[in-house]
Structures are given as structure tokens and as C-alpha cells.
Amino acid sequence: MNHIVTVQDAVTAFADFMEPTGAELDAIERELPVIRAELELLDAQVAVIDRTANELDERRIRRARRRVLAAHRDQLNGTTVQTGGAA
């Protein structure tokens, strides 16, 4: 009979040396405006996934697409501006 044994190293594979570095955290923080804008676009698209979009929905989606493009542009230009959340 073979016994199933939990390997502690496999279960707790994230040791102290596997934490994100400061540079990685800074990169994530620089990408946050893009992530927020993409989440806002996704929220707008999900809202109309099972129905026909009305005029207000279409405006919301267009506005969200413009924010995504602007966030990408600002990130590439190095001029990120922190805005509100993605709600």
C-alpha cells in the first residue's frame, strides 16, 4: 500500500526569497492606471453581455476604451496620472 504524504516544500513553495522585488512592485504600480482602465472597460462590456446595449451603455464603453488608450499612451510616455478606482 502506498501512503500519500504531503511534501511541505511543495505546499509552502513561496519562501522569503520568492517575494516580489522592489523593482517588480514599482513596475506593477506603474501599470495600475492601465489595469484600472482595462477593468473599467471589462465592467462596461460585461454589463451588456446578455442584452442589447443602449445609448448610455455604448457611451460608457466608448469612454472606457478611450481611457484604456489614454492609459497606455501615458504609460508609454512615462506620464502616468493616478485616477479613481475602477468602479
C-alpha atoms as a PDB file:
ATOM      1  CA  MET A   1       0.000   0.000   0.000  1.00  0.00           C
ATOM      2  CA  ASN A   2       1.340   3.430  -0.918  1.00  0.00           C
ATOM      3  CA  HIS A   3       0.829   6.231   1.538  1.00  0.00           C
ATOM      4  CA  ILE A   4       0.065   9.730   0.337  1.00  0.00           C
ATOM      5  CA  VAL A   5       2.351  12.154   2.096  1.00  0.00           C
ATOM      6  CA  THR A   6       2.273  15.924   1.795  1.00  0.00           C
ATOM      7  CA  VAL A   7       5.571  17.420   0.815  1.00  0.00           C
ATOM      8  CA  GLN A   8       5.956  20.566   2.896  1.00  0.00           C
ATOM      9  CA  ASP A   9       8.231  22.275   0.368  1.00  0.00           C
ATOM     10  CA  ALA A  10       5.680  21.837  -2.413  1.00  0.00           C
ATOM     11  CA  VAL A  11       2.826  23.128  -0.264  1.00  0.00           C
ATOM     12  CA  THR A  12       4.703  26.158   1.022  1.00  0.00           C
ATOM     13  CA  ALA A  13       6.736  26.900  -2.066  1.00  0.00           C
ATOM     14  CA  PHE A  14       6.804  30.644  -1.507  1.00  0.00           C
ATOM     15  CA  ALA A  15       9.754  31.358   0.701  1.00  0.00           C
ATOM     16  CA  ASP A  16      11.107  34.774   1.674  1.00  0.00           C
ATOM     17  CA  PHE A  17      13.433  34.866  -1.321  1.00  0.00           C
ATOM     18  CA  MET A  18      10.459  34.452  -3.662  1.00  0.00           C
ATOM     19  CA  GLU A  19       8.777  37.722  -2.667  1.00  0.00           C
ATOM     20  CA  PRO A  20       8.497  40.363  -5.406  1.00  0.00           C
ATOM     21  CA  THR A  21      11.410  42.738  -5.534  1.00  0.00           C
ATOM     22  CA  GLY A  22      11.094  46.477  -5.153  1.00  0.00           C
ATOM     23  CA  ALA A  23      11.579  46.893  -8.897  1.00  0.00           C
ATOM     24  CA  GLU A  24       8.760  44.431  -9.616  1.00  0.00           C
ATOM     25  CA  LEU A  25       6.436  46.237  -7.210  1.00  0.00           C
ATOM     26  CA  ASP A  26       7.307  49.565  -8.859  1.00  0.00           C
ATOM     27  CA  ALA A  27       6.531  48.088 -12.287  1.00  0.00           C
ATOM     28  CA  ILE A  28       3.155  46.881 -11.048  1.00  0.00           C
ATOM     29  CA  GLU A  29       2.416  50.288  -9.586  1.00  0.00           C
ATOM     30  CA  ARG A  30       3.286  51.948 -12.912  1.00  0.00           C
ATOM     31  CA  GLU A  31       0.848  49.608 -14.654  1.00  0.00           C
ATOM     32  CA  LEU A  32      -2.034  50.268 -12.246  1.00  0.00           C
ATOM     33  CA  PRO A  33      -3.671  53.047 -14.320  1.00  0.00           C
ATOM     34  CA  VAL A  34      -3.740  50.709 -17.338  1.00  0.00           C
ATOM     35  CA  ILE A  35      -5.107  47.859 -15.236  1.00  0.00           C
ATOM     36  CA  ARG A  36      -7.824  50.077 -13.774  1.00  0.00           C
ATOM     37  CA  ALA A  37      -8.809  51.378 -17.212  1.00  0.00           C
ATOM     38  CA  GLU A  38      -8.960  47.849 -18.611  1.00  0.00           C
ATOM     39  CA  LEU A  39     -11.098  46.731 -15.670  1.00  0.00           C
ATOM     40  CA  GLU A  40     -13.475  49.613 -16.289  1.00  0.00           C
ATOM     41  CA  LEU A  41     -13.768  48.588 -19.946  1.00  0.00           C
ATOM     42  CA  LEU A  42     -14.353  44.985 -18.955  1.00  0.00           C
ATOM     43  CA  ASP A  43     -17.069  46.051 -16.495  1.00  0.00           C
ATOM     44  CA  ALA A  44     -18.797  48.045 -19.229  1.00  0.00           C
ATOM     45  CA  GLN A  45     -18.624  45.128 -21.648  1.00  0.00           C
ATOM     46  CA  VAL A  46     -19.868  42.607 -19.091  1.00  0.00           C
ATOM     47  CA  ALA A  47     -22.829  44.850 -18.273  1.00  0.00           C
ATOM     48  CA  VAL A  48     -24.170  44.414 -21.802  1.00  0.00           C
ATOM     49  CA  ILE A  49     -23.066  40.856 -22.474  1.00  0.00           C
ATOM     50  CA  ASP A  50     -26.568  39.389 -22.332  1.00  0.00           C
ATOM     51  CA  ARG A  51     -28.593  42.268 -23.740  1.00  0.00           C
ATOM     52  CA  THR A  52     -28.514  44.879 -26.449  1.00  0.00           C
ATOM     53  CA  ALA A  53     -26.515  47.930 -25.476  1.00  0.00           C
ATOM     54  CA  ASN A  54     -28.483  51.156 -25.258  1.00  0.00           C
ATOM     55  CA  GLU A  55     -27.069  54.611 -25.949  1.00  0.00           C
ATOM     56  CA  LEU A  56     -25.752  55.068 -22.411  1.00  0.00           C
ATOM     57  CA  ASP A  57     -24.051  51.664 -22.487  1.00  0.00           C
ATOM     58  CA  GLU A  58     -22.399  52.495 -25.796  1.00  0.00           C
ATOM     59  CA  ARG A  59     -21.144  55.799 -24.377  1.00  0.00           C
ATOM     60  CA  ARG A  60     -19.772  54.041 -21.310  1.00  0.00           C
ATOM     61  CA  ILE A  61     -17.927  51.510 -23.480  1.00  0.00           C
ATOM     62  CA  ARG A  62     -16.522  54.204 -25.786  1.00  0.00           C
ATOM     63  CA  ARG A  63     -15.406  56.277 -22.801  1.00  0.00           C
ATOM     64  CA  ALA A  64     -13.757  53.217 -21.228  1.00  0.00           C
ATOM     65  CA  ARG A  65     -11.963  52.395 -24.497  1.00  0.00           C
ATOM     66  CA  ARG A  66     -10.633  55.948 -24.665  1.00  0.00           C
ATOM     67  CA  ARG A  67      -9.402  55.661 -21.081  1.00  0.00           C
ATOM     68  CA  VAL A  68      -7.583  52.426 -21.905  1.00  0.00           C
ATOM     69  CA  LEU A  69      -5.899  54.046 -24.897  1.00  0.00           C
ATOM     70  CA  ALA A  70      -5.003  57.134 -22.853  1.00  0.00           C
ATOM     71  CA  ALA A  71      -3.604  54.998 -20.035  1.00  0.00           C
ATOM     72  CA  HIS A  72      -1.458  53.034 -22.482  1.00  0.00           C
ATOM     73  CA  ARG A  73      -0.281  56.270 -24.093  1.00  0.00           C
ATOM     74  CA  ASP A  74       0.578  57.797 -20.726  1.00  0.00           C
ATOM     75  CA  GLN A  75       2.424  54.664 -19.674  1.00  0.00           C
ATOM     76  CA  LEU A  76       4.495  54.652 -22.859  1.00  0.00           C
ATOM     77  CA  ASN A  77       5.225  58.357 -22.497  1.00  0.00           C
ATOM     78  CA  GLY A  78       6.055  57.981 -18.825  1.00  0.00           C
ATOM     79  CA  THR A  79       3.348  60.407 -17.729  1.00  0.00           C
ATOM     80  CA  THR A  80       1.044  58.265 -15.603  1.00  0.00           C
ATOM     81  CA  VAL A  81      -1.630  60.062 -13.637  1.00  0.00           C
ATOM     82  CA  GLN A  82      -3.332  58.253 -10.769  1.00  0.00           C
ATOM     83  CA  THR A  83      -7.115  58.466 -11.047  1.00  0.00           C
ATOM     84  CA  GLY A  84     -10.008  56.994  -9.108  1.00  0.00           C
ATOM     85  CA  GLY A  85     -10.885  53.329  -8.794  1.00  0.00           C
ATOM     86  CA  ALA A  86     -12.403  51.107 -11.452  1.00  0.00           C
ATOM     87  CA  ALA A  87     -15.974  51.111 -10.147  1.00  0.00           C
END
